[in-house]
N, C-alpha and C. Protein backbone atom coordinates (compact mmCIF):
# COMPACT_ATOMS: atom_id res chain seq x y z
N MET A 1 3.19 12.78 -18.24
CA MET A 1 3.58 11.62 -17.70
C MET A 1 2.30 10.51 -16.93
N LYS A 2 1.59 10.89 -15.98
CA LYS A 2 0.04 10.82 -15.67
C LYS A 2 -0.40 10.37 -17.30
N ASP A 3 -0.56 10.53 -18.11
CA ASP A 3 -1.02 9.82 -19.15
C ASP A 3 -0.78 9.07 -19.28
N ASP A 4 0.62 7.88 -18.87
CA ASP A 4 1.08 6.67 -19.12
C ASP A 4 0.19 5.75 -18.43
N LEU A 5 -0.12 6.26 -17.58
CA LEU A 5 -0.59 5.25 -16.09
C LEU A 5 -2.31 4.65 -16.62
N ILE A 6 -2.50 4.04 -16.12
CA ILE A 6 -3.80 3.45 -16.88
C ILE A 6 -4.01 2.78 -15.81
N SER A 7 -5.49 3.61 -15.45
CA SER A 7 -6.44 2.84 -14.10
C SER A 7 -7.15 2.26 -14.13
N ARG A 8 -7.09 1.37 -13.04
CA ARG A 8 -7.74 -0.04 -12.60
C ARG A 8 -9.04 -0.39 -13.51
N GLN A 9 -9.30 0.42 -12.96
CA GLN A 9 -11.33 0.49 -13.84
C GLN A 9 -11.25 0.61 -15.33
N ASP A 10 -10.09 1.35 -16.17
CA ASP A 10 -10.27 1.33 -17.77
C ASP A 10 -9.94 0.10 -17.64
N ALA A 11 -8.60 -0.92 -16.98
CA ALA A 11 -7.93 -2.43 -17.31
C ALA A 11 -9.16 -2.97 -17.22
N ILE A 12 -9.98 -3.26 -16.36
CA ILE A 12 -11.31 -4.07 -15.77
C ILE A 12 -11.81 -3.89 -17.51
N ASP A 13 -12.62 -2.64 -17.47
CA ASP A 13 -13.60 -2.35 -18.25
C ASP A 13 -12.84 -2.58 -19.89
N THR A 14 -11.57 -3.14 -20.00
CA THR A 14 -11.17 -2.93 -21.36
C THR A 14 -11.26 -4.99 -21.58
N LEU A 15 -11.06 -5.27 -20.43
CA LEU A 15 -11.30 -7.11 -20.62
C LEU A 15 -12.57 -7.56 -20.54
N ALA A 16 -13.07 -6.71 -19.73
CA ALA A 16 -14.69 -7.46 -20.04
C ALA A 16 -14.98 -7.23 -20.94
N GLU A 17 -14.50 -5.94 -21.96
CA GLU A 17 -14.54 -6.57 -23.28
C GLU A 17 -14.39 -7.76 -23.74
N TRP A 18 -14.11 -8.71 -23.35
CA TRP A 18 -13.43 -9.84 -24.43
C TRP A 18 -13.92 -11.28 -23.64
N ASN A 19 -15.46 -10.68 -22.90
CA ASN A 19 -15.95 -11.33 -22.26
C ASN A 19 -15.59 -12.84 -21.89
N ASP A 20 -14.71 -12.39 -20.68
CA ASP A 20 -14.08 -13.60 -20.17
C ASP A 20 -14.10 -13.16 -18.67
N ASP A 21 -15.42 -14.03 -18.08
CA ASP A 21 -15.54 -13.59 -16.71
C ASP A 21 -14.46 -14.47 -16.03
N ALA A 22 -13.38 -14.95 -16.07
CA ALA A 22 -12.69 -15.61 -15.25
C ALA A 22 -11.67 -13.81 -14.72
N ILE A 23 -11.24 -14.06 -16.01
CA ILE A 23 -10.42 -12.43 -15.89
C ILE A 23 -10.97 -11.15 -14.80
N THR A 24 -12.33 -10.66 -15.33
CA THR A 24 -12.62 -10.29 -15.06
C THR A 24 -13.01 -10.23 -13.61
N ASN A 25 -13.22 -11.31 -13.20
CA ASN A 25 -13.42 -11.84 -11.76
C ASN A 25 -12.08 -11.33 -10.87
N ARG A 26 -10.90 -12.07 -11.74
CA ARG A 26 -9.69 -12.02 -10.81
C ARG A 26 -9.07 -10.74 -10.62
N LEU A 27 -9.57 -9.25 -12.05
CA LEU A 27 -9.19 -8.28 -11.81
C LEU A 27 -10.11 -7.59 -10.89
N ASN A 28 -11.57 -8.09 -10.50
CA ASN A 28 -11.88 -7.10 -9.45
C ASN A 28 -11.46 -7.28 -8.14
N ASN A 29 -11.02 -8.54 -7.68
CA ASN A 29 -10.58 -9.15 -6.40
C ASN A 29 -9.12 -8.47 -6.59
N LEU A 30 -8.56 -7.22 -6.80
CA LEU A 30 -7.11 -7.37 -6.87
C LEU A 30 -7.35 -6.00 -5.86
N ALA A 31 -6.52 -5.78 -4.98
CA ALA A 31 -6.17 -4.87 -4.53
C ALA A 31 -5.71 -3.52 -5.24
N PRO A 32 -6.48 -2.40 -4.96
CA PRO A 32 -5.53 -1.25 -5.57
C PRO A 32 -4.34 -1.73 -5.18
N VAL A 33 -3.31 -0.66 -6.47
CA VAL A 33 -1.85 -0.16 -6.32
C VAL A 33 -1.87 1.36 -6.10
N ASP A 34 -1.08 1.47 -4.94
CA ASP A 34 -0.42 3.25 -5.57
C ASP A 34 0.49 3.63 -5.89
N ALA A 35 0.35 4.39 -7.15
CA ALA A 35 1.03 4.18 -8.11
C ALA A 35 1.72 6.20 -7.39
N VAL A 36 2.67 6.20 -7.71
CA VAL A 36 3.42 7.63 -7.85
C VAL A 36 3.79 7.77 -8.49
N GLU A 37 3.66 9.17 -9.24
CA GLU A 37 4.28 9.69 -10.06
C GLU A 37 5.55 10.42 -10.02
N VAL A 38 6.37 9.54 -11.68
CA VAL A 38 8.26 10.01 -11.48
C VAL A 38 8.54 11.10 -12.11
N VAL A 39 8.90 12.29 -11.16
CA VAL A 39 8.62 13.67 -12.22
C VAL A 39 10.85 13.53 -12.61
N ARG A 40 10.81 13.66 -14.08
CA ARG A 40 12.30 13.21 -14.87
C ARG A 40 13.13 14.53 -14.38
N CYS A 41 14.27 14.78 -14.87
CA CYS A 41 15.06 15.71 -14.34
C CYS A 41 14.81 16.24 -15.45
N LYS A 42 14.28 16.62 -16.91
CA LYS A 42 13.50 17.48 -17.88
C LYS A 42 12.74 18.22 -17.11
N ASP A 43 12.30 17.87 -16.51
CA ASP A 43 10.79 18.74 -15.84
C ASP A 43 10.79 18.93 -14.24
N CYS A 44 12.16 19.01 -13.85
CA CYS A 44 12.90 19.41 -12.47
C CYS A 44 13.04 20.93 -11.97
N ILE A 45 12.48 21.45 -10.77
CA ILE A 45 12.95 22.58 -10.77
C ILE A 45 14.76 23.00 -10.21
N HIS A 46 15.26 21.15 -9.27
CA HIS A 46 16.59 21.43 -9.33
C HIS A 46 17.64 21.09 -10.46
N ARG A 47 17.17 20.81 -11.67
CA ARG A 47 17.86 20.45 -12.51
C ARG A 47 18.93 21.29 -12.83
N PRO A 48 20.37 21.46 -12.93
CA PRO A 48 21.18 22.18 -13.17
C PRO A 48 21.29 22.96 -14.54
N LYS A 49 21.42 24.03 -14.76
CA LYS A 49 21.72 24.65 -15.71
C LYS A 49 23.53 24.45 -16.26
N GLY A 50 23.64 24.43 -17.70
CA GLY A 50 25.08 24.09 -18.10
C GLY A 50 25.10 23.24 -18.94
N SER A 51 26.35 22.71 -19.61
CA SER A 51 26.45 21.26 -20.43
C SER A 51 27.39 20.41 -20.13
N ASN A 52 28.68 21.16 -19.36
CA ASN A 52 29.69 20.46 -18.72
C ASN A 52 29.91 20.16 -17.55
N ARG A 53 30.91 19.58 -16.72
CA ARG A 53 31.25 20.27 -14.97
C ARG A 53 32.09 21.05 -14.88
N ASP A 54 32.06 22.24 -15.99
CA ASP A 54 32.86 23.28 -15.80
C ASP A 54 31.80 24.27 -15.81
N ASP A 55 30.80 23.89 -16.28
CA ASP A 55 29.59 25.27 -15.73
C ASP A 55 28.04 25.08 -15.70
N LEU A 56 28.24 24.22 -15.16
CA LEU A 56 27.34 23.48 -14.36
C LEU A 56 26.98 24.24 -13.20
N GLU A 57 25.61 25.17 -13.17
CA GLU A 57 24.74 26.11 -12.03
C GLU A 57 23.49 25.35 -12.04
N PHE A 58 23.47 25.10 -10.17
CA PHE A 58 22.71 24.00 -9.61
C PHE A 58 21.67 25.26 -8.73
N PRO A 59 20.43 25.30 -9.18
CA PRO A 59 19.63 26.53 -8.31
C PRO A 59 19.49 26.29 -7.34
N ASP A 60 19.69 25.39 -6.44
CA ASP A 60 19.59 24.75 -4.86
C ASP A 60 20.24 23.70 -4.71
N GLU A 61 20.23 23.71 -3.27
CA GLU A 61 21.22 21.88 -3.10
C GLU A 61 20.52 20.89 -2.78
N GLU A 62 19.06 20.78 -3.48
CA GLU A 62 18.57 19.55 -3.51
C GLU A 62 18.96 18.63 -4.40
N CYS A 63 19.82 18.75 -5.74
CA CYS A 63 20.35 17.85 -6.54
C CYS A 63 20.90 17.17 -6.11
N PRO A 64 21.17 15.80 -5.91
CA PRO A 64 21.91 14.64 -5.61
C PRO A 64 22.92 14.66 -6.78
N CYS A 65 23.01 15.15 -7.88
CA CYS A 65 24.35 15.31 -8.83
C CYS A 65 25.17 16.10 -8.39
N GLN A 66 25.01 16.95 -7.57
CA GLN A 66 25.61 18.24 -7.36
C GLN A 66 26.97 17.74 -5.54
N CYS A 67 27.62 18.04 -6.20
CA CYS A 67 28.87 17.34 -4.64
C CYS A 67 29.68 18.45 -4.63
N GLU A 68 30.28 18.34 -3.43
CA GLU A 68 31.09 19.06 -2.68
C GLU A 68 32.15 19.67 -3.47
N ASP A 69 32.76 18.96 -4.11
CA ASP A 69 34.06 18.83 -4.86
C ASP A 69 33.14 19.29 -6.32
N PHE A 70 33.49 20.28 -7.06
CA PHE A 70 32.75 20.45 -8.11
C PHE A 70 33.31 19.50 -9.50
N TRP A 71 34.23 19.03 -9.10
CA TRP A 71 34.56 17.94 -9.84
C TRP A 71 34.09 16.97 -10.57
N TYR A 72 33.05 16.29 -9.25
CA TYR A 72 32.64 15.31 -9.31
C TYR A 72 30.68 16.08 -9.95
N ASN A 73 30.89 16.87 -9.91
CA ASN A 73 29.38 17.64 -10.44
C ASN A 73 28.83 16.96 -11.73
N TRP A 74 27.94 16.34 -11.82
CA TRP A 74 27.19 15.99 -13.44
C TRP A 74 25.71 16.79 -13.69
N LYS A 75 25.35 16.18 -14.63
CA LYS A 75 23.93 16.59 -15.59
C LYS A 75 23.71 15.32 -15.91
N PRO A 76 22.38 15.47 -15.23
CA PRO A 76 21.59 13.56 -15.62
C PRO A 76 20.82 14.00 -17.23
N ALA A 77 20.60 12.83 -17.53
CA ALA A 77 19.96 12.65 -18.71
C ALA A 77 18.83 12.76 -18.47
N ASP A 78 17.57 13.49 -19.46
CA ASP A 78 16.47 14.36 -19.03
C ASP A 78 15.74 13.08 -19.00
N GLU A 79 15.58 11.41 -19.01
CA GLU A 79 14.94 11.22 -18.51
C GLU A 79 14.97 10.55 -17.18
N TRP A 80 16.45 10.54 -16.53
CA TRP A 80 16.45 10.30 -15.30
C TRP A 80 15.93 11.29 -14.23
N TYR A 81 15.87 10.31 -12.91
CA TYR A 81 14.73 10.64 -12.20
C TYR A 81 15.53 10.65 -10.95
N CYS A 82 15.10 11.44 -9.57
CA CYS A 82 15.52 10.57 -8.04
C CYS A 82 14.38 10.95 -7.37
N GLY A 83 14.68 10.64 -6.48
CA GLY A 83 13.52 10.78 -5.20
C GLY A 83 13.15 12.45 -4.66
N ASN A 84 14.49 13.56 -5.19
CA ASN A 84 14.43 15.01 -5.03
C ASN A 84 13.13 15.82 -5.59
N GLY A 85 13.20 14.75 -7.12
CA GLY A 85 11.92 15.77 -7.82
C GLY A 85 10.87 16.34 -7.80
N ILE A 86 11.03 17.61 -7.80
CA ILE A 86 9.52 18.56 -7.92
C ILE A 86 9.42 18.96 -9.36
N ARG A 87 8.33 18.37 -9.48
CA ARG A 87 8.04 19.55 -11.13
C ARG A 87 8.07 20.55 -11.45
N LYS A 88 8.07 21.22 -12.68
CA LYS A 88 8.29 23.14 -12.40
C LYS A 88 7.34 23.71 -12.02
N ASP A 89 6.16 23.09 -12.89
CA ASP A 89 5.03 23.58 -12.23
C ASP A 89 4.71 23.00 -11.16
N ASP A 90 4.93 22.58 -10.18
CA ASP A 90 4.02 22.24 -8.86
C ASP A 90 5.16 22.84 -8.11
N GLU A 91 5.60 23.94 -8.64
CA GLU A 91 6.52 24.87 -7.06
C GLU A 91 5.79 24.99 -6.16
N GLN A 92 6.24 24.24 -5.12
CA GLN A 92 5.82 24.68 -3.67
C GLN A 92 6.63 24.39 -2.87
N ILE A 93 7.95 25.11 -2.50
CA ILE A 93 9.13 24.63 -1.63
C ILE A 93 8.78 25.95 -0.60
């Protein structure tokens, strides 16, 4: 997902090629923005296994799609995300 982001400097350099000093000057004066990478459900260590409510297995208690009453458990779509996401290859629990 990190490849989807463009750096501030790349944007400045690209627009500078247009030879528009007004745009370049405005971009240089912008404050940098902190971007947080989103972990999609398909890449998360907390993602449940199974296909429907009756056979879902959650690896831990962190997924917000797991409820005390299993009837309300659900498996999110691949592109869904939440604040609990941890990428599978970043396992630092």
